Structure formats: structure tokens, C-alpha cells
Amino acid sequence: MTAYTFWHLHAISDIFWMVPLMGFSQMTLFGGYAIYLPELFPTRLRSTGTSFCYNVGRAIAALGPFTFGYLTGSVFAGHAEPMRYAG
């Protein structure tokens, strides 16, 4: 849904139906994490394992702004809307 929103958001009125669907799609992942991840680990390690899984994703996501800036400024610089292609 995120990729669809980046590619097809053309009018202001699209915000009112695309962004809520994108938010719902992204938030369902976090709801699933709370149910699924703790069951993967033994009882004594559940909070540690779940925290590790959450924070590894955050560490990798920290590279996102740098990658987005590089894609916008260098890779897609010749396009009419480089931020749309980089997203």
C-alpha cells in the first residue's frame, strides 16, 4: 500500500482514502508483531527476543533517510518528481 500511495497520489482528495489505508496496512504489522514474536522465544527470553527483533529493524531503518537523500539527489535527479521515484 505504501508503494501504491507513492505512485498514485495525484490529487489532494486522494489523501483522504489512500493515507488511511496505508496507515492501516503498516499498523497491522505492529499488531502482528505483538502476537507472533513472543511465541517464537522461550518464556525466559520472550521480552529480550521481542526487543531484539524490534530494535534490529530500527537500526536498519536508520539508514533510510541517507538512502532516500542519495536516491533523490543522485539516482533520480533527472526525473520530474525525484522524491516520488525515490520513495
N, C-alpha and C. Protein backbone atom coordinates (compact mmCIF):
# COMPACT_ATOMS: atom_id res chain seq x y z
N MET A 1 0.82 -1.20 0.00
CA MET A 1 0.00 0.00 0.00
C MET A 1 0.86 1.26 0.00
N THR A 2 2.02 1.20 0.64
CA THR A 2 2.91 2.36 0.67
C THR A 2 3.41 2.68 -0.73
N ALA A 3 3.85 1.66 -1.46
CA ALA A 3 4.32 1.89 -2.84
C ALA A 3 3.18 2.40 -3.72
N TYR A 4 2.00 1.85 -3.56
CA TYR A 4 0.84 2.30 -4.33
C TYR A 4 0.55 3.77 -4.04
N THR A 5 0.62 4.16 -2.77
CA THR A 5 0.36 5.55 -2.39
C THR A 5 1.40 6.47 -3.01
N PHE A 6 2.67 6.09 -2.98
CA PHE A 6 3.70 6.94 -3.57
C PHE A 6 3.50 7.11 -5.07
N TRP A 7 3.10 6.06 -5.75
CA TRP A 7 2.99 6.12 -7.21
C TRP A 7 1.70 6.76 -7.70
N HIS A 8 0.61 6.64 -6.96
CA HIS A 8 -0.69 7.05 -7.47
C HIS A 8 -1.34 8.23 -6.73
N LEU A 9 -0.63 8.90 -5.88
CA LEU A 9 -1.17 10.06 -5.18
C LEU A 9 -1.02 11.28 -6.08
N HIS A 10 -2.12 11.65 -6.75
CA HIS A 10 -2.05 12.75 -7.72
C HIS A 10 -2.87 13.96 -7.31
N ALA A 11 -3.97 13.75 -6.60
CA ALA A 11 -4.85 14.86 -6.23
C ALA A 11 -4.94 14.95 -4.71
N ILE A 12 -5.27 16.11 -4.23
CA ILE A 12 -5.42 16.32 -2.78
C ILE A 12 -6.48 15.38 -2.22
N SER A 13 -7.54 15.15 -2.98
CA SER A 13 -8.61 14.29 -2.48
C SER A 13 -8.17 12.83 -2.29
N ASP A 14 -7.10 12.42 -2.96
CA ASP A 14 -6.59 11.05 -2.79
C ASP A 14 -6.03 10.82 -1.39
N ILE A 15 -5.62 11.88 -0.74
CA ILE A 15 -5.07 11.76 0.61
C ILE A 15 -6.09 11.15 1.56
N PHE A 16 -7.35 11.50 1.37
CA PHE A 16 -8.38 11.09 2.32
C PHE A 16 -8.72 9.61 2.28
N TRP A 17 -8.36 8.91 1.23
CA TRP A 17 -8.59 7.47 1.22
C TRP A 17 -7.31 6.66 1.12
N MET A 18 -6.25 7.20 0.53
CA MET A 18 -5.01 6.43 0.41
C MET A 18 -4.22 6.39 1.71
N VAL A 19 -4.09 7.52 2.36
CA VAL A 19 -3.28 7.58 3.58
C VAL A 19 -3.87 6.74 4.71
N PRO A 20 -5.19 6.74 4.95
CA PRO A 20 -5.72 5.83 5.97
C PRO A 20 -5.49 4.35 5.64
N LEU A 21 -5.60 3.98 4.37
CA LEU A 21 -5.32 2.59 4.01
C LEU A 21 -3.84 2.25 4.21
N MET A 22 -2.98 3.19 3.88
CA MET A 22 -1.55 2.97 4.09
C MET A 22 -1.25 2.83 5.59
N GLY A 23 -1.83 3.69 6.41
CA GLY A 23 -1.63 3.61 7.85
C GLY A 23 -2.14 2.31 8.43
N PHE A 24 -3.32 1.87 7.98
CA PHE A 24 -3.87 0.61 8.46
C PHE A 24 -2.96 -0.55 8.08
N SER A 25 -2.47 -0.55 6.84
CA SER A 25 -1.60 -1.63 6.38
C SER A 25 -0.30 -1.68 7.18
N GLN A 26 0.26 -0.53 7.50
CA GLN A 26 1.51 -0.50 8.24
C GLN A 26 1.31 -0.83 9.71
N MET A 27 0.21 -0.41 10.29
CA MET A 27 -0.03 -0.68 11.71
C MET A 27 -0.41 -2.13 11.99
N THR A 28 -0.97 -2.83 11.01
CA THR A 28 -1.29 -4.24 11.23
C THR A 28 -0.02 -5.06 11.44
N LEU A 29 1.08 -4.63 10.87
CA LEU A 29 2.35 -5.33 11.12
C LEU A 29 2.74 -5.27 12.59
N PHE A 30 2.59 -4.12 13.19
CA PHE A 30 2.96 -3.99 14.61
C PHE A 30 2.02 -4.78 15.50
N GLY A 31 0.75 -4.84 15.14
CA GLY A 31 -0.18 -5.68 15.89
C GLY A 31 0.19 -7.15 15.78
N GLY A 32 0.59 -7.56 14.62
CA GLY A 32 1.03 -8.94 14.42
C GLY A 32 2.31 -9.25 15.17
N TYR A 33 3.21 -8.29 15.25
CA TYR A 33 4.45 -8.50 15.99
C TYR A 33 4.16 -8.79 17.46
N ALA A 34 3.22 -8.06 18.03
CA ALA A 34 2.92 -8.24 19.45
C ALA A 34 2.34 -9.62 19.74
N ILE A 35 1.68 -10.21 18.76
CA ILE A 35 1.09 -11.54 18.95
C ILE A 35 2.07 -12.64 18.56
N TYR A 36 2.78 -12.47 17.46
CA TYR A 36 3.58 -13.54 16.89
C TYR A 36 4.98 -13.65 17.48
N LEU A 37 5.68 -12.54 17.65
CA LEU A 37 7.08 -12.59 18.08
C LEU A 37 7.31 -13.23 19.45
N PRO A 38 6.53 -12.92 20.48
CA PRO A 38 6.82 -13.54 21.78
C PRO A 38 6.72 -15.06 21.76
N GLU A 39 5.89 -15.61 20.91
CA GLU A 39 5.74 -17.06 20.86
C GLU A 39 6.94 -17.76 20.23
N LEU A 40 7.80 -17.03 19.59
CA LEU A 40 8.97 -17.63 18.96
C LEU A 40 10.08 -17.96 19.96
N PHE A 41 10.03 -17.36 21.13
CA PHE A 41 11.11 -17.48 22.10
C PHE A 41 10.65 -18.22 23.34
N PRO A 42 11.60 -18.87 24.05
CA PRO A 42 11.24 -19.49 25.32
C PRO A 42 10.76 -18.43 26.33
N THR A 43 10.04 -18.85 27.32
CA THR A 43 9.42 -17.91 28.27
C THR A 43 10.44 -16.98 28.91
N ARG A 44 11.59 -17.48 29.29
CA ARG A 44 12.57 -16.64 29.98
C ARG A 44 13.22 -15.61 29.07
N LEU A 45 13.08 -15.77 27.75
CA LEU A 45 13.71 -14.84 26.80
C LEU A 45 12.71 -14.05 25.96
N ARG A 46 11.44 -14.11 26.29
CA ARG A 46 10.43 -13.50 25.41
C ARG A 46 10.61 -12.01 25.25
N SER A 47 10.78 -11.29 26.32
CA SER A 47 10.90 -9.83 26.18
C SER A 47 12.22 -9.45 25.52
N THR A 48 13.29 -10.20 25.80
CA THR A 48 14.58 -9.91 25.17
C THR A 48 14.53 -10.19 23.68
N GLY A 49 13.94 -11.31 23.29
CA GLY A 49 13.85 -11.67 21.88
C GLY A 49 12.98 -10.70 21.10
N THR A 50 11.85 -10.33 21.68
CA THR A 50 10.97 -9.38 21.02
C THR A 50 11.64 -8.02 20.88
N SER A 51 12.30 -7.56 21.92
CA SER A 51 13.01 -6.28 21.86
C SER A 51 14.12 -6.30 20.83
N PHE A 52 14.82 -7.43 20.75
CA PHE A 52 15.89 -7.56 19.75
C PHE A 52 15.30 -7.44 18.34
N CYS A 53 14.19 -8.11 18.08
CA CYS A 53 13.58 -8.05 16.75
C CYS A 53 13.11 -6.64 16.40
N TYR A 54 12.50 -5.96 17.34
CA TYR A 54 12.06 -4.58 17.09
C TYR A 54 13.26 -3.67 16.79
N ASN A 55 14.29 -3.77 17.59
CA ASN A 55 15.39 -2.81 17.50
C ASN A 55 16.35 -3.09 16.37
N VAL A 56 16.47 -4.31 15.89
CA VAL A 56 17.28 -4.57 14.71
C VAL A 56 16.65 -3.85 13.51
N GLY A 57 15.34 -3.91 13.43
CA GLY A 57 14.65 -3.18 12.36
C GLY A 57 14.86 -1.68 12.45
N ARG A 58 14.88 -1.16 13.64
CA ARG A 58 15.11 0.28 13.81
C ARG A 58 16.53 0.66 13.43
N ALA A 59 17.49 -0.19 13.74
CA ALA A 59 18.88 0.09 13.38
C ALA A 59 19.05 0.10 11.86
N ILE A 60 18.40 -0.84 11.20
CA ILE A 60 18.48 -0.87 9.74
C ILE A 60 17.73 0.32 9.14
N ALA A 61 16.60 0.68 9.73
CA ALA A 61 15.80 1.81 9.22
C ALA A 61 16.52 3.15 9.41
N ALA A 62 17.50 3.21 10.28
CA ALA A 62 18.24 4.46 10.47
C ALA A 62 18.99 4.86 9.21
N LEU A 63 19.26 3.91 8.33
CA LEU A 63 19.92 4.22 7.06
C LEU A 63 18.94 4.79 6.03
N GLY A 64 17.65 4.71 6.31
CA GLY A 64 16.63 5.15 5.37
C GLY A 64 16.74 6.60 4.92
N PRO A 65 16.88 7.57 5.83
CA PRO A 65 16.99 8.97 5.37
C PRO A 65 18.21 9.22 4.49
N PHE A 66 19.31 8.57 4.79
CA PHE A 66 20.50 8.75 3.95
C PHE A 66 20.29 8.13 2.56
N THR A 67 19.67 6.96 2.54
CA THR A 67 19.39 6.30 1.27
C THR A 67 18.38 7.11 0.46
N PHE A 68 17.36 7.63 1.12
CA PHE A 68 16.35 8.45 0.44
C PHE A 68 16.98 9.70 -0.15
N GLY A 69 17.85 10.35 0.61
CA GLY A 69 18.54 11.53 0.11
C GLY A 69 19.43 11.23 -1.07
N TYR A 70 20.14 10.11 -1.01
CA TYR A 70 21.01 9.71 -2.12
C TYR A 70 20.18 9.42 -3.37
N LEU A 71 19.10 8.67 -3.21
CA LEU A 71 18.25 8.34 -4.36
C LEU A 71 17.62 9.59 -4.96
N THR A 72 17.18 10.51 -4.11
CA THR A 72 16.55 11.73 -4.60
C THR A 72 17.56 12.64 -5.31
N GLY A 73 18.74 12.80 -4.72
CA GLY A 73 19.72 13.74 -5.25
C GLY A 73 20.59 13.22 -6.37
N SER A 74 20.81 11.92 -6.43
CA SER A 74 21.74 11.39 -7.42
C SER A 74 21.09 10.46 -8.44
N VAL A 75 20.41 9.47 -7.96
CA VAL A 75 19.89 8.44 -8.86
C VAL A 75 18.72 8.94 -9.70
N PHE A 76 17.75 9.61 -9.07
CA PHE A 76 16.56 10.07 -9.77
C PHE A 76 16.55 11.58 -9.96
N ALA A 77 17.71 12.21 -9.99
CA ALA A 77 17.78 13.67 -10.08
C ALA A 77 17.23 14.19 -11.40
N GLY A 78 17.28 13.42 -12.47
CA GLY A 78 16.82 13.88 -13.77
C GLY A 78 15.33 13.76 -13.99
N HIS A 79 14.61 13.14 -13.07
CA HIS A 79 13.17 12.95 -13.21
C HIS A 79 12.42 14.20 -12.73
N ALA A 80 11.19 14.31 -13.18
CA ALA A 80 10.38 15.48 -12.82
C ALA A 80 10.08 15.53 -11.31
N GLU A 81 9.77 14.41 -10.71
CA GLU A 81 9.50 14.34 -9.27
C GLU A 81 10.40 13.28 -8.63
N PRO A 82 11.64 13.63 -8.32
CA PRO A 82 12.59 12.62 -7.85
C PRO A 82 12.21 11.99 -6.50
N MET A 83 11.51 12.72 -5.65
CA MET A 83 11.15 12.14 -4.35
C MET A 83 10.11 11.03 -4.51
N ARG A 84 9.25 11.14 -5.49
CA ARG A 84 8.25 10.09 -5.74
C ARG A 84 8.95 8.80 -6.17
N TYR A 85 9.91 8.90 -7.07
CA TYR A 85 10.62 7.71 -7.53
C TYR A 85 11.50 7.13 -6.43
N ALA A 86 12.12 7.99 -5.65
CA ALA A 86 12.96 7.50 -4.55
C ALA A 86 12.12 6.81 -3.49
N GLY A 87 10.93 7.32 -3.22
CA GLY A 87 10.04 6.68 -2.24
C GLY A 87 9.59 5.33 -2.71
